[in-house]
Amino acid sequence: MGKGGMSHGETKDGEEENMAAWLLGVNTLKIQPFKLPCLGPHDVRVRMKAVGICGSDVHYLKTMKCAHFVVKEPMVIGHECAGIIEEVGSEIKSLVPGDRVALEPGISCWRCNLCKEGRYNLCPDMKFFATPPVHGSLANQVVHPADLCFKLPDNVSLEEGAMCEPLSVGVHACRRANIGPETNVLVMGAGPIGLVTLLAARAFGAPRIVIVDVDEYRLSVAKDLGADETVKVSTNLQDVDQEVVLIHQAMGTGVDVTFDCAGFNKTMSTALSATRPGGKVCLVGMGHNEMTVPLTPAAAREVDVIGVFRYKNTWPLCIEFLSSGKIDVKPLITHRFGFSQKEVEEAFETSASGSTAIKLWCNCYGNKNHGMSCTAVAVHGEVLQAVVFEYYYKRSVLDRHKTPDNSLVWILPQGSRRPLETSVHSCLICPDLLQAEKTV
């Protein structure tokens, strides 16, 4: 990770050239060749199936910076990702080609005191996907350490696996705040990070959760995800005192922990004012570098302010939450795009528009329908089989998909005989190409 370049390089016979989304300047994103680094003995090569568009990606595109990170040279963007292993290094025994994995995007040094303490997210030598100058994962393929590739169970899709990255932010925040069955939680901001923090807090046992935002649509999504109450607020700093009253009314009891998932002057001021004496405020969102907030009154009430930066040791727990059904991230996935120049530009425009988009995915296989024809199975809960007879990429290993009625369809390479179950005659991914026929 972080190596490679815009050189075309050489490809093995029969393999397509690796392409990636390069950030070249303000509002300039191009799909261009990306030469992969050599596969090390402890690395794996992963074909990207789901790569998300994050708010930080949009910041980089619009301004060439995010917080204190500045893009000074062309960089491959993207860091929320999952895919299918194509090749493993000589020392790797725990993963094999065909395994479906979610990627943790940061490589720490493992030698500094912070790494030795287990706080590797704070490593000063961290190399993190799409944090300059390190290249990201919005590409056909990436090379990554096997230790940071987590195998997904059959009942967790690759899109859900890629959601482990934003979900990890919420999980890490909840761990930092010691959320449990006696912790009433306030979430400031119903954007993607606020919503995954809501889901994580509920999974950790928070009995009552109130979420605050300026947008009615996002509040309705939060309500659907399980928020007990929502409070619509303004952007006017003068309204803080009045809105704190509304928050207290909605909570019905003291606010034990507030997660500021926006990081603005208004949200932090509200968080400090709304949290009970002896409570905690976690600064999760990174908005403004400098803010004027009522720290002295908060200090007089011994409100602790806790910083949250990325995550550590969260992927196994996130996968467990997803597999067990304790957390369902599927309602957050609102848009899907392919990997053409036009579609990637459209994905970023949609994410930046402030519309109903929450989480957007680019399928880096080549197009969002995976470019395949297949014969498959049908119907009524019987055990059936499927055979793919044409690939978009010859060496692709394809995975399961869910049909509109939420049943499972497996789409497998030619010659596979893995059983599957479905109850419909069409596949959500390629409805025009899937022909149903009962297996004898």
Protein backbone atom coordinates (compact mmCIF):
# COMPACT_ATOMS: atom_id res chain seq x y z
CA MET A 1 0.00 0.00 0.00
CA GLY A 2 1.17 3.50 -0.75
CA LYS A 3 3.57 2.28 -3.42
CA GLY A 4 2.95 1.92 -7.12
CA GLY A 5 2.47 4.71 -9.56
CA MET A 6 0.81 6.02 -12.68
CA SER A 7 3.09 3.94 -14.89
CA HIS A 8 1.36 1.48 -17.17
CA GLY A 9 3.81 -1.25 -16.19
CA GLU A 10 3.57 -4.79 -17.49
CA THR A 11 0.70 -7.23 -17.07
CA LYS A 12 0.72 -10.98 -17.19
CA ASP A 13 -0.72 -12.62 -20.26
CA GLY A 14 -4.49 -12.50 -20.20
CA GLU A 15 -4.71 -10.04 -17.31
CA GLU A 16 -6.31 -6.64 -17.68
CA GLU A 17 -4.39 -3.51 -16.77
CA ASN A 18 -4.98 -2.31 -13.22
CA MET A 19 -6.88 0.98 -13.21
CA ALA A 20 -7.51 3.41 -10.36
CA ALA A 21 -9.23 6.72 -9.59
CA TRP A 22 -6.47 9.33 -9.41
CA LEU A 23 -6.98 12.68 -7.69
CA LEU A 24 -4.99 15.07 -9.89
CA GLY A 25 -6.20 18.46 -8.67
CA VAL A 26 -9.20 20.36 -7.37
CA ASN A 27 -12.31 18.74 -8.90
CA THR A 28 -10.09 16.65 -11.17
CA LEU A 29 -10.42 12.89 -10.87
CA LYS A 30 -9.28 10.54 -13.64
CA ILE A 31 -9.38 6.78 -14.14
CA GLN A 32 -5.80 5.94 -15.10
CA PRO A 33 -3.41 2.97 -14.89
CA PHE A 34 -2.02 2.13 -11.46
CA LYS A 35 0.99 -0.18 -11.27
CA LEU A 36 0.75 -2.42 -8.22
CA PRO A 37 3.73 -2.99 -5.93
CA CYS A 38 5.25 -6.46 -5.88
CA LEU A 39 3.45 -8.99 -3.72
CA GLY A 40 5.42 -9.54 -0.52
CA PRO A 41 5.47 -12.84 1.38
CA HIS A 42 2.98 -11.52 3.94
CA ASP A 43 0.75 -9.66 1.45
CA VAL A 44 -2.33 -10.50 -0.57
CA ARG A 45 -3.58 -9.10 -3.86
CA VAL A 46 -7.26 -8.21 -3.66
CA ARG A 47 -9.69 -7.43 -6.46
CA MET A 48 -11.86 -4.59 -5.20
CA LYS A 49 -15.58 -5.28 -5.27
CA ALA A 50 -17.01 -2.49 -3.09
CA VAL A 51 -15.25 0.83 -2.47
CA GLY A 52 -17.13 3.57 -0.65
CA ILE A 53 -17.12 7.33 -1.15
CA CYS A 54 -16.42 9.00 2.19
CA GLY A 55 -16.79 12.62 3.22
CA SER A 56 -13.01 12.88 3.44
CA ASP A 57 -12.75 11.76 -0.20
CA VAL A 58 -15.08 14.59 -1.20
CA HIS A 59 -13.05 17.08 0.87
CA TYR A 60 -9.89 16.01 -0.93
CA LEU A 61 -11.57 16.37 -4.32
CA LYS A 62 -13.00 19.81 -3.57
CA THR A 63 -10.04 21.34 -1.72
CA MET A 64 -7.07 18.91 -2.01
CA LYS A 65 -7.01 18.70 1.78
CA CYS A 66 -8.89 17.25 4.74
CA ALA A 67 -8.21 18.53 8.25
CA HIS A 68 -4.39 18.89 8.38
CA PHE A 69 -3.74 16.38 5.57
CA VAL A 70 -2.82 18.05 2.25
CA VAL A 71 -2.56 16.39 -1.18
CA LYS A 72 0.61 17.63 -2.87
CA GLU A 73 0.93 15.12 -5.72
CA PRO A 74 -1.40 12.79 -7.65
CA MET A 75 -3.01 10.25 -5.33
CA VAL A 76 -5.33 7.27 -5.72
CA ILE A 77 -8.39 7.94 -3.60
CA GLY A 78 -10.66 5.68 -1.51
CA HIS A 79 -10.31 3.75 1.77
CA GLU A 80 -13.63 2.01 2.59
CA CYS A 81 -13.31 -1.31 0.81
CA ALA A 82 -13.84 -5.03 0.50
CA GLY A 83 -12.99 -7.49 -2.22
CA ILE A 84 -11.95 -10.97 -3.23
CA ILE A 85 -8.44 -12.35 -2.87
CA GLU A 86 -6.73 -13.11 -6.16
CA GLU A 87 -3.24 -14.05 -4.95
CA VAL A 88 -1.51 -14.64 -1.62
CA GLY A 89 2.11 -14.22 -0.55
CA SER A 90 4.37 -17.19 0.05
CA GLU A 91 4.00 -17.06 3.85
CA ILE A 92 0.22 -16.71 3.98
CA LYS A 93 -1.67 -19.76 5.25
CA SER A 94 -4.83 -18.20 6.70
CA LEU A 95 -6.25 -16.88 3.41
CA VAL A 96 -6.60 -18.37 -0.07
CA PRO A 97 -7.64 -17.03 -3.49
CA GLY A 98 -11.40 -16.66 -3.59
CA ASP A 99 -11.77 -15.59 0.03
CA ARG A 100 -13.99 -12.56 0.53
CA VAL A 101 -12.34 -10.00 2.78
CA ALA A 102 -12.84 -6.58 4.34
CA LEU A 103 -9.71 -4.43 4.42
CA GLU A 104 -8.56 -2.33 7.36
CA PRO A 105 -6.90 0.58 5.53
CA GLY A 106 -4.10 1.62 7.90
CA ILE A 107 -0.62 0.08 8.30
CA SER A 108 1.19 1.14 11.46
CA CYS A 109 4.89 0.64 12.23
CA TRP A 110 4.31 -1.82 15.13
CA ARG A 111 7.55 -0.55 16.71
CA CYS A 112 6.74 2.78 18.38
CA ASN A 113 5.49 3.07 21.96
CA LEU A 114 1.93 3.81 20.84
CA CYS A 115 1.84 0.66 18.71
CA LYS A 116 3.27 -1.37 21.58
CA GLU A 117 0.54 0.02 23.84
CA GLY A 118 -2.06 -1.19 21.35
CA ARG A 119 -2.99 2.34 20.26
CA TYR A 120 -1.70 1.81 16.74
CA ASN A 121 -4.28 4.23 15.32
CA LEU A 122 -2.09 7.02 16.74
CA CYS A 123 1.14 5.71 15.20
CA PRO A 124 3.13 8.68 13.84
CA ASP A 125 4.31 6.52 10.93
CA MET A 126 0.83 5.31 9.96
CA LYS A 127 0.35 4.59 6.26
CA PHE A 128 -3.37 4.89 5.58
CA PHE A 129 -5.26 4.41 2.32
CA ALA A 130 -5.82 7.78 0.59
CA THR A 131 -4.17 9.85 3.28
CA PRO A 132 -1.45 11.77 1.43
CA PRO A 133 0.97 10.70 0.17
CA VAL A 134 -0.32 7.11 0.47
CA HIS A 135 -2.44 5.76 -2.38
CA GLY A 136 -5.96 4.47 -1.73
CA SER A 137 -8.18 1.60 -2.80
CA LEU A 138 -10.54 2.95 -5.49
CA ALA A 139 -8.91 0.64 -8.02
CA ASN A 140 -9.41 -2.69 -9.75
CA GLN A 141 -6.87 -4.31 -7.44
CA VAL A 142 -4.68 -3.46 -4.44
CA VAL A 143 -1.87 -5.18 -2.56
CA HIS A 144 -2.30 -5.16 1.21
CA PRO A 145 -0.93 -6.97 4.29
CA ALA A 146 -2.83 -10.19 4.92
CA ASP A 147 -3.08 -9.36 8.64
CA LEU A 148 -5.30 -6.41 7.72
CA CYS A 149 -7.65 -8.44 5.50
CA PHE A 150 -10.51 -9.98 7.45
CA LYS A 151 -12.43 -12.93 6.04
CA LEU A 152 -16.18 -12.43 5.79
CA PRO A 153 -18.73 -15.08 6.75
CA ASP A 154 -21.15 -16.22 4.06
CA ASN A 155 -24.03 -14.15 5.43
CA VAL A 156 -22.13 -10.84 5.20
CA SER A 157 -21.96 -9.26 1.73
CA LEU A 158 -18.92 -7.43 0.41
CA GLU A 159 -20.77 -4.12 0.61
CA GLU A 160 -21.53 -4.82 4.26
CA GLY A 161 -17.90 -5.83 4.72
CA ALA A 162 -16.73 -2.51 3.31
CA MET A 163 -19.06 -0.81 5.80
CA CYS A 164 -16.78 -2.13 8.55
CA GLU A 165 -14.61 0.94 7.94
CA PRO A 166 -17.14 3.67 8.82
CA LEU A 167 -18.77 1.38 11.39
CA SER A 168 -15.37 1.00 13.06
CA VAL A 169 -15.36 4.73 13.79
CA GLY A 170 -18.60 4.36 15.74
CA VAL A 171 -17.43 1.19 17.48
CA HIS A 172 -14.15 2.81 18.53
CA ALA A 173 -16.00 5.89 19.79
CA CYS A 174 -18.32 3.71 21.88
CA ARG A 175 -15.36 1.87 23.36
CA ARG A 176 -13.64 5.16 24.19
CA ALA A 177 -16.78 6.33 25.99
CA ASN A 178 -17.47 2.98 27.70
CA ILE A 179 -21.00 2.78 26.33
CA GLY A 180 -23.14 0.17 28.07
CA PRO A 181 -26.67 -0.66 29.25
CA GLU A 182 -26.73 2.30 31.64
CA THR A 183 -25.48 4.94 29.19
CA ASN A 184 -27.97 7.35 27.63
CA VAL A 185 -26.51 8.71 24.41
CA LEU A 186 -26.87 11.92 22.41
CA VAL A 187 -25.55 11.94 18.83
CA MET A 188 -24.89 15.30 17.18
CA GLY A 189 -25.19 14.89 13.42
CA ALA A 190 -27.09 12.30 11.39
CA GLY A 191 -24.59 11.97 8.57
CA PRO A 192 -22.99 8.60 7.81
CA ILE A 193 -20.70 8.68 10.87
CA GLY A 194 -23.50 9.83 13.15
CA LEU A 195 -25.73 7.02 11.89
CA VAL A 196 -23.12 4.29 12.35
CA THR A 197 -22.38 5.67 15.81
CA LEU A 198 -26.09 5.36 16.58
CA LEU A 199 -26.01 1.72 15.42
CA ALA A 200 -22.86 0.99 17.42
CA ALA A 201 -24.21 2.60 20.59
CA ARG A 202 -27.34 0.46 20.37
CA ALA A 203 -25.23 -2.66 19.83
CA PHE A 204 -23.23 -1.79 22.94
CA GLY A 205 -26.47 -1.65 24.90
CA ALA A 206 -27.31 2.05 25.17
CA PRO A 207 -30.93 2.12 26.44
CA ARG A 208 -31.89 5.52 25.05
CA ILE A 209 -30.45 7.38 22.07
CA VAL A 210 -31.40 10.85 20.83
CA ILE A 211 -29.96 12.16 17.57
CA VAL A 212 -29.82 15.79 16.41
CA ASP A 213 -29.49 17.21 12.90
CA VAL A 214 -30.57 20.10 10.67
CA ASP A 215 -31.96 17.79 7.97
CA GLU A 216 -35.39 16.16 8.22
CA TYR A 217 -34.56 13.34 5.81
CA ARG A 218 -31.49 12.23 7.73
CA LEU A 219 -33.45 12.38 10.98
CA SER A 220 -36.09 10.13 9.44
CA VAL A 221 -33.35 7.66 8.49
CA ALA A 222 -32.05 7.80 12.06
CA LYS A 223 -35.53 7.08 13.38
CA ASP A 224 -35.84 4.09 11.06
CA LEU A 225 -32.47 2.83 12.32
CA GLY A 226 -33.69 2.84 15.90
CA ALA A 227 -33.17 6.30 17.40
CA ASP A 228 -35.61 6.78 20.27
CA GLU A 229 -36.09 10.47 19.52
CA THR A 230 -34.85 12.98 16.97
CA VAL A 231 -34.44 16.74 17.36
CA LYS A 232 -34.28 19.11 14.40
CA VAL A 233 -32.05 22.08 15.09
CA SER A 234 -30.80 25.18 13.28
CA THR A 235 -27.31 26.27 12.31
CA ASN A 236 -27.61 29.42 14.42
CA LEU A 237 -25.25 29.50 17.40
CA GLN A 238 -27.70 31.73 19.25
CA ASP A 239 -30.19 28.85 19.44
CA VAL A 240 -28.00 26.55 21.56
CA ASP A 241 -29.69 27.19 24.91
CA GLN A 242 -33.17 26.67 23.51
CA GLU A 243 -32.13 23.51 21.69
CA VAL A 244 -30.50 22.07 24.81
CA VAL A 245 -33.92 22.30 26.47
CA LEU A 246 -35.45 20.37 23.54
CA ILE A 247 -32.73 17.74 23.78
CA HIS A 248 -33.31 17.27 27.50
CA GLN A 249 -37.03 16.94 26.89
CA ALA A 250 -36.42 14.33 24.20
CA MET A 251 -33.98 12.37 26.36
CA GLY A 252 -36.23 12.46 29.42
CA THR A 253 -33.20 11.98 31.64
CA GLY A 254 -29.59 13.10 31.78
CA VAL A 255 -27.30 12.82 28.76
CA ASP A 256 -24.47 10.55 29.89
CA VAL A 257 -22.42 10.65 26.70
CA THR A 258 -22.61 12.94 23.68
CA PHE A 259 -20.95 12.05 20.39
CA ASP A 260 -20.23 15.11 18.26
CA CYS A 261 -20.15 13.56 14.80
CA ALA A 262 -20.06 16.87 12.94
CA GLY A 263 -17.22 18.80 14.55
CA PHE A 264 -18.57 22.31 14.20
CA ASN A 265 -18.68 25.20 16.64
CA LYS A 266 -22.44 24.86 17.04
CA THR A 267 -22.49 21.09 17.57
CA MET A 268 -19.62 21.11 20.06
CA SER A 269 -21.19 23.97 22.02
CA THR A 270 -24.48 22.10 22.16
CA ALA A 271 -22.73 18.87 23.18
CA LEU A 272 -20.88 20.52 26.06
CA SER A 273 -24.03 22.26 27.28
CA ALA A 274 -26.38 19.28 26.96
CA THR A 275 -24.22 16.67 28.67
CA ARG A 276 -24.94 16.05 32.36
CA PRO A 277 -22.43 16.88 35.12
CA GLY A 278 -19.79 14.15 35.19
CA GLY A 279 -20.70 13.05 31.66
CA LYS A 280 -18.55 12.70 28.55
CA VAL A 281 -18.34 14.42 25.19
CA CYS A 282 -16.61 12.49 22.40
CA LEU A 283 -15.35 14.53 19.48
CA VAL A 284 -15.79 12.10 16.57
CA GLY A 285 -16.32 14.36 13.56
CA MET A 286 -13.47 16.52 12.33
CA GLY A 287 -14.85 19.81 11.07
CA HIS A 288 -13.18 23.05 12.07
CA ASN A 289 -9.61 23.06 13.41
CA GLU A 290 -10.40 25.97 15.73
CA MET A 291 -13.63 26.58 17.64
CA THR A 292 -14.93 28.89 20.35
CA VAL A 293 -16.91 26.75 22.79
CA PRO A 294 -18.09 27.04 26.45
CA LEU A 295 -15.28 25.02 28.03
CA THR A 296 -15.26 26.73 31.43
CA PRO A 297 -18.92 25.93 32.28
CA ALA A 298 -18.31 22.37 31.07
CA ALA A 299 -15.18 22.08 33.21
CA ALA A 300 -17.14 23.33 36.23
CA ARG A 301 -19.50 20.38 35.69
CA GLU A 302 -16.55 18.00 35.17
CA VAL A 303 -17.63 17.08 31.66
CA ASP A 304 -14.83 15.04 30.12
CA VAL A 305 -13.87 15.75 26.51
CA ILE A 306 -12.56 12.66 24.69
CA GLY A 307 -10.84 12.63 21.32
CA VAL A 308 -11.60 9.91 18.80
CA PHE A 309 -9.28 9.24 15.86
CA ARG A 310 -10.08 6.46 13.42
CA TYR A 311 -10.11 3.08 15.22
CA LYS A 312 -8.11 0.11 16.48
CA ASN A 313 -8.87 -3.60 16.69
CA THR A 314 -12.45 -3.15 15.50
CA TRP A 315 -12.87 -5.29 12.37
CA PRO A 316 -13.53 -8.64 14.13
CA LEU A 317 -16.20 -7.07 16.34
CA CYS A 318 -17.80 -5.21 13.42
CA ILE A 319 -17.97 -8.43 11.41
CA GLU A 320 -19.48 -10.22 14.42
CA PHE A 321 -22.12 -7.47 14.79
CA LEU A 322 -22.99 -7.75 11.08
CA SER A 323 -23.03 -11.53 10.96
CA SER A 324 -25.17 -11.87 14.09
CA GLY A 325 -27.67 -9.28 12.89
CA LYS A 326 -27.00 -7.08 15.91
CA ILE A 327 -26.19 -4.29 13.45
CA ASP A 328 -27.80 -3.91 10.01
CA VAL A 329 -25.99 -1.43 7.77
CA LYS A 330 -27.89 -2.25 4.58
CA PRO A 331 -30.38 0.65 4.98
CA LEU A 332 -27.43 3.05 4.81
CA ILE A 333 -26.45 1.91 1.31
CA THR A 334 -28.34 4.26 -0.98
CA HIS A 335 -26.41 4.39 -4.27
CA ARG A 336 -24.28 2.08 -6.42
CA PHE A 337 -22.01 3.01 -9.31
CA GLY A 338 -19.67 1.30 -11.72
CA PHE A 339 -16.05 2.19 -12.37
CA SER A 340 -16.13 4.16 -15.62
CA GLN A 341 -14.89 7.75 -15.68
CA LYS A 342 -18.47 9.00 -15.97
CA GLU A 343 -19.82 6.85 -13.15
CA VAL A 344 -17.03 7.69 -10.70
CA GLU A 345 -17.55 11.40 -11.35
CA GLU A 346 -21.28 10.92 -10.85
CA ALA A 347 -20.63 9.08 -7.58
CA PHE A 348 -18.60 11.97 -6.18
CA GLU A 349 -21.13 14.55 -7.40
CA THR A 350 -23.94 12.60 -5.75
CA SER A 351 -22.02 12.28 -2.49
CA ALA A 352 -21.22 16.00 -2.45
CA SER A 353 -24.74 17.10 -3.36
CA GLY A 354 -26.20 16.81 0.14
CA SER A 355 -29.19 14.95 -1.29
CA THR A 356 -30.58 11.67 0.01
CA ALA A 357 -27.23 9.95 -0.49
CA ILE A 358 -25.82 8.29 2.62
CA LYS A 359 -23.37 5.57 1.60
CA LEU A 360 -22.32 5.19 -2.03
CA TRP A 361 -20.34 2.30 -3.50
CA CYS A 362 -18.27 1.90 -6.63
CA ASN A 363 -17.90 -1.63 -7.95
CA CYS A 364 -14.38 -1.78 -9.33
CA TYR A 365 -14.97 -5.00 -11.24
CA GLY A 366 -15.72 -2.87 -14.27
CA ASN A 367 -19.44 -2.10 -14.07
CA LYS A 368 -22.12 -2.26 -11.44
CA ASN A 369 -23.79 -5.31 -13.02
CA HIS A 370 -20.49 -7.22 -12.95
CA GLY A 371 -20.68 -7.68 -16.74
CA MET A 372 -21.68 -11.31 -16.58
CA SER A 373 -24.16 -13.68 -18.10
CA CYS A 374 -25.22 -16.66 -16.11
CA THR A 375 -27.48 -19.60 -15.99
CA ALA A 376 -28.82 -20.22 -12.55
CA VAL A 377 -31.41 -21.79 -10.45
CA ALA A 378 -34.81 -20.99 -9.43
CA VAL A 379 -37.34 -21.49 -7.08
CA HIS A 380 -39.51 -21.82 -4.01
CA GLY A 381 -36.83 -22.51 -1.40
CA GLU A 382 -35.49 -25.66 -3.06
CA VAL A 383 -31.77 -26.42 -3.06
CA LEU A 384 -30.49 -25.34 -6.48
CA GLN A 385 -27.28 -24.81 -8.39
CA ALA A 386 -25.84 -22.05 -10.56
CA VAL A 387 -23.19 -21.99 -13.22
CA VAL A 388 -21.64 -18.85 -14.62
CA PHE A 389 -20.81 -19.34 -18.30
CA GLU A 390 -19.39 -15.91 -19.09
CA TYR A 391 -17.27 -13.45 -17.08
CA TYR A 392 -16.51 -9.81 -17.53
CA TYR A 393 -13.06 -10.65 -16.15
CA LYS A 394 -11.91 -14.17 -16.90
CA ARG A 395 -10.26 -14.75 -13.53
CA SER A 396 -12.93 -13.21 -11.34
CA VAL A 397 -14.24 -15.16 -8.40
CA LEU A 398 -17.79 -14.03 -7.87
CA ASP A 399 -19.77 -13.96 -4.66
CA ARG A 400 -23.29 -14.09 -3.39
CA HIS A 401 -25.96 -11.47 -3.96
CA LYS A 402 -29.34 -10.84 -2.41
CA THR A 403 -32.52 -10.85 -4.44
CA PRO A 404 -35.23 -8.20 -3.97
CA ASP A 405 -37.08 -10.42 -1.51
CA ASN A 406 -33.86 -10.74 0.54
CA SER A 407 -33.20 -14.38 -0.32
CA LEU A 408 -29.75 -15.49 -1.41
CA VAL A 409 -28.39 -16.19 -4.88
CA TRP A 410 -24.86 -17.46 -5.30
CA ILE A 411 -23.11 -16.75 -8.58
CA LEU A 412 -20.05 -18.94 -9.00
CA PRO A 413 -17.33 -19.76 -11.54
CA GLN A 414 -17.97 -22.34 -14.21
CA GLY A 415 -17.64 -25.86 -12.87
CA SER A 416 -18.68 -24.96 -9.34
CA ARG A 417 -21.37 -27.05 -7.74
CA ARG A 418 -22.08 -25.13 -4.57
CA PRO A 419 -25.71 -25.39 -3.40
CA LEU A 420 -27.77 -22.28 -2.96
CA GLU A 421 -31.28 -21.26 -2.14
CA THR A 422 -33.61 -18.69 -3.63
CA SER A 423 -37.32 -18.15 -4.03
CA VAL A 424 -37.49 -15.86 -7.05
CA HIS A 425 -36.84 -16.14 -10.79
CA SER A 426 -34.62 -13.09 -11.12
CA CYS A 427 -31.40 -11.83 -9.67
CA LEU A 428 -31.07 -8.30 -8.35
CA ILE A 429 -27.64 -7.89 -9.92
CA CYS A 430 -28.37 -9.01 -13.49
CA PRO A 431 -32.13 -9.53 -13.94
CA ASP A 432 -31.97 -9.51 -17.74
CA LEU A 433 -29.38 -12.26 -17.91
CA LEU A 434 -30.34 -14.69 -15.18
CA GLN A 435 -32.44 -17.56 -16.52
CA ALA A 436 -34.10 -19.76 -13.96
CA GLU A 437 -34.29 -23.48 -14.31
CA LYS A 438 -34.91 -26.09 -11.67
CA THR A 439 -31.99 -28.37 -10.87
CA VAL A 440 -32.73 -32.05 -11.26
